[in-house]
Amino acid sequence: MNARAEYLFLLFLVVGIALFVLGLRYRSRLKMRAGSCLHIGGTVVGSTQGTLNGLDPTPVYHPVVEYFVDNHRFTMTAEVGYGRRKGRDEDVGHV
């Protein structure tokens, strides 16, 4: 093996170790933030129709989720899309 290949191998090793350590630190920070969030349940109450992206005209249904915090009702439309409707007319349960 020539000297350049040895340095390249060493470079990949150092970068890999650095990315691993930074990833562990980032993961622990995300766990701390997620632990401080309020965990609540929601119910799928309907869906909105959209497309997967600008090039694919296939319809995708985004679930609309309803949840309550301190007796205030909130709804949100999920970014995840499904190929068929999900909502009150189906037995989908809680989110």
C-alpha atoms as a PDB file:
ATOM      1  CA  MET A   1       0.000   0.000   0.000  1.00  0.00           C
ATOM      2  CA  ASN A   2       1.402   3.392  -0.849  1.00  0.00           C
ATOM      3  CA  ALA A   3       1.500   6.347   1.538  1.00  0.00           C
ATOM      4  CA  ARG A   4      -1.508   8.138  -0.020  1.00  0.00           C
ATOM      5  CA  ALA A   5      -3.754   5.115   0.422  1.00  0.00           C
ATOM      6  CA  GLU A   6      -2.702   4.810   4.071  1.00  0.00           C
ATOM      7  CA  TYR A   7      -3.536   8.472   4.706  1.00  0.00           C
ATOM      8  CA  LEU A   8      -6.867   8.069   2.918  1.00  0.00           C
ATOM      9  CA  PHE A   9      -7.700   5.062   5.093  1.00  0.00           C
ATOM     10  CA  LEU A  10      -6.748   7.032   8.206  1.00  0.00           C
ATOM     11  CA  LEU A  11      -8.868   9.980   7.054  1.00  0.00           C
ATOM     12  CA  PHE A  12     -11.934   7.759   6.593  1.00  0.00           C
ATOM     13  CA  LEU A  13     -11.366   6.204  10.002  1.00  0.00           C
ATOM     14  CA  VAL A  14     -11.076   9.582  11.763  1.00  0.00           C
ATOM     15  CA  VAL A  15     -14.124  11.031   9.973  1.00  0.00           C
ATOM     16  CA  GLY A  16     -16.157   7.906  10.768  1.00  0.00           C
ATOM     17  CA  ILE A  17     -15.284   8.046  14.461  1.00  0.00           C
ATOM     18  CA  ALA A  18     -16.058  11.779  14.597  1.00  0.00           C
ATOM     19  CA  LEU A  19     -19.454  11.272  12.936  1.00  0.00           C
ATOM     20  CA  PHE A  20     -20.252   8.423  15.332  1.00  0.00           C
ATOM     21  CA  VAL A  21     -19.441  10.525  18.411  1.00  0.00           C
ATOM     22  CA  LEU A  22     -21.377  13.533  17.107  1.00  0.00           C
ATOM     23  CA  GLY A  23     -24.327  11.268  16.292  1.00  0.00           C
ATOM     24  CA  LEU A  24     -24.390   9.904  19.836  1.00  0.00           C
ATOM     25  CA  ARG A  25     -24.364  13.425  21.272  1.00  0.00           C
ATOM     26  CA  TYR A  26     -27.168  14.510  18.918  1.00  0.00           C
ATOM     27  CA  ARG A  27     -29.211  11.432  19.833  1.00  0.00           C
ATOM     28  CA  SER A  28     -28.939  12.138  23.565  1.00  0.00           C
ATOM     29  CA  ARG A  29     -30.001  15.762  22.999  1.00  0.00           C
ATOM     30  CA  LEU A  30     -33.059  14.638  21.034  1.00  0.00           C
ATOM     31  CA  LYS A  31     -33.997  12.144  23.760  1.00  0.00           C
ATOM     32  CA  MET A  32     -33.837  14.934  26.364  1.00  0.00           C
ATOM     33  CA  ARG A  33     -36.052  17.193  24.266  1.00  0.00           C
ATOM     34  CA  ALA A  34     -38.554  14.423  23.517  1.00  0.00           C
ATOM     35  CA  GLY A  35     -38.727  13.505  27.201  1.00  0.00           C
ATOM     36  CA  SER A  36     -39.840  17.002  28.110  1.00  0.00           C
ATOM     37  CA  CYS A  37     -42.753  16.950  25.629  1.00  0.00           C
ATOM     38  CA  LEU A  38     -46.340  16.342  26.640  1.00  0.00           C
ATOM     39  CA  HIS A  39     -47.529  12.905  25.461  1.00  0.00           C
ATOM     40  CA  ILE A  40     -51.169  12.852  24.373  1.00  0.00           C
ATOM     41  CA  GLY A  41     -53.382  10.643  22.248  1.00  0.00           C
ATOM     42  CA  GLY A  42     -55.266  11.696  19.185  1.00  0.00           C
ATOM     43  CA  THR A  43     -58.005  10.358  16.952  1.00  0.00           C
ATOM     44  CA  VAL A  44     -58.075  10.283  13.161  1.00  0.00           C
ATOM     45  CA  VAL A  45     -61.212  12.225  12.215  1.00  0.00           C
ATOM     46  CA  GLY A  46     -60.830  12.402   8.439  1.00  0.00           C
ATOM     47  CA  SER A  47     -58.390  12.864   5.621  1.00  0.00           C
ATOM     48  CA  THR A  48     -57.436  15.368   2.943  1.00  0.00           C
ATOM     49  CA  GLN A  49     -56.544  14.441  -0.604  1.00  0.00           C
ATOM     50  CA  GLY A  50     -53.290  15.564  -2.170  1.00  0.00           C
ATOM     51  CA  THR A  51     -50.495  14.244  -4.344  1.00  0.00           C
ATOM     52  CA  LEU A  52     -47.299  12.508  -3.373  1.00  0.00           C
ATOM     53  CA  ASN A  53     -45.126  15.024  -5.198  1.00  0.00           C
ATOM     54  CA  GLY A  54     -45.357  17.329  -8.177  1.00  0.00           C
ATOM     55  CA  LEU A  55     -44.498  14.677 -10.753  1.00  0.00           C
ATOM     56  CA  ASP A  56     -46.712  11.807  -9.570  1.00  0.00           C
ATOM     57  CA  PRO A  57     -50.464  12.534  -9.985  1.00  0.00           C
ATOM     58  CA  THR A  58     -51.502   9.531  -7.848  1.00  0.00           C
ATOM     59  CA  PRO A  59     -53.853  10.698  -5.078  1.00  0.00           C
ATOM     60  CA  VAL A  60     -52.556  10.384  -1.526  1.00  0.00           C
ATOM     61  CA  TYR A  61     -54.702  10.850   1.566  1.00  0.00           C
ATOM     62  CA  HIS A  62     -53.252  12.684   4.571  1.00  0.00           C
ATOM     63  CA  PRO A  63     -54.990  11.857   7.882  1.00  0.00           C
ATOM     64  CA  VAL A  64     -56.473  14.686   9.921  1.00  0.00           C
ATOM     65  CA  VAL A  65     -55.836  14.082  13.638  1.00  0.00           C
ATOM     66  CA  GLU A  66     -57.818  15.659  16.461  1.00  0.00           C
ATOM     67  CA  TYR A  67     -56.483  15.956  20.020  1.00  0.00           C
ATOM     68  CA  PHE A  68     -57.267  17.868  23.197  1.00  0.00           C
ATOM     69  CA  VAL A  69     -54.950  19.815  25.516  1.00  0.00           C
ATOM     70  CA  ASP A  70     -56.449  21.465  28.625  1.00  0.00           C
ATOM     71  CA  ASN A  71     -59.958  21.119  27.144  1.00  0.00           C
ATOM     72  CA  HIS A  72     -58.895  22.927  23.965  1.00  0.00           C
ATOM     73  CA  ARG A  73     -59.466  21.067  20.695  1.00  0.00           C
ATOM     74  CA  PHE A  74     -56.668  21.017  18.122  1.00  0.00           C
ATOM     75  CA  THR A  75     -56.492  19.421  14.689  1.00  0.00           C
ATOM     76  CA  MET A  76     -53.521  18.796  12.470  1.00  0.00           C
ATOM     77  CA  THR A  77     -52.980  17.250   9.064  1.00  0.00           C
ATOM     78  CA  ALA A  78     -50.228  14.657   9.007  1.00  0.00           C
ATOM     79  CA  GLU A  79     -47.428  14.912   6.469  1.00  0.00           C
ATOM     80  CA  VAL A  80     -47.518  11.136   5.959  1.00  0.00           C
ATOM     81  CA  GLY A  81     -49.757  10.055   3.110  1.00  0.00           C
ATOM     82  CA  TYR A  82     -51.592   6.798   2.428  1.00  0.00           C
ATOM     83  CA  GLY A  83     -52.991   5.297  -0.757  1.00  0.00           C
ATOM     84  CA  ARG A  84     -56.488   5.041   0.705  1.00  0.00           C
ATOM     85  CA  ARG A  85     -58.640   7.102   3.027  1.00  0.00           C
ATOM     86  CA  LYS A  86     -58.275   6.725   6.765  1.00  0.00           C
ATOM     87  CA  GLY A  87     -60.833   8.257   9.033  1.00  0.00           C
ATOM     88  CA  ARG A  88     -63.903   7.861  11.157  1.00  0.00           C
ATOM     89  CA  ASP A  89     -65.587   5.520   8.659  1.00  0.00           C
ATOM     90  CA  GLU A  90     -62.843   2.927   9.219  1.00  0.00           C
ATOM     91  CA  ASP A  91     -61.824   1.266  12.464  1.00  0.00           C
ATOM     92  CA  VAL A  92     -58.419   2.966  12.826  1.00  0.00           C
ATOM     93  CA  GLY A  93     -58.395   3.672  16.565  1.00  0.00           C
ATOM     94  CA  HIS A  94     -56.107   6.143  18.292  1.00  0.00           C
ATOM     95  CA  VAL A  95     -52.892   7.608  16.943  1.00  0.00           C
END
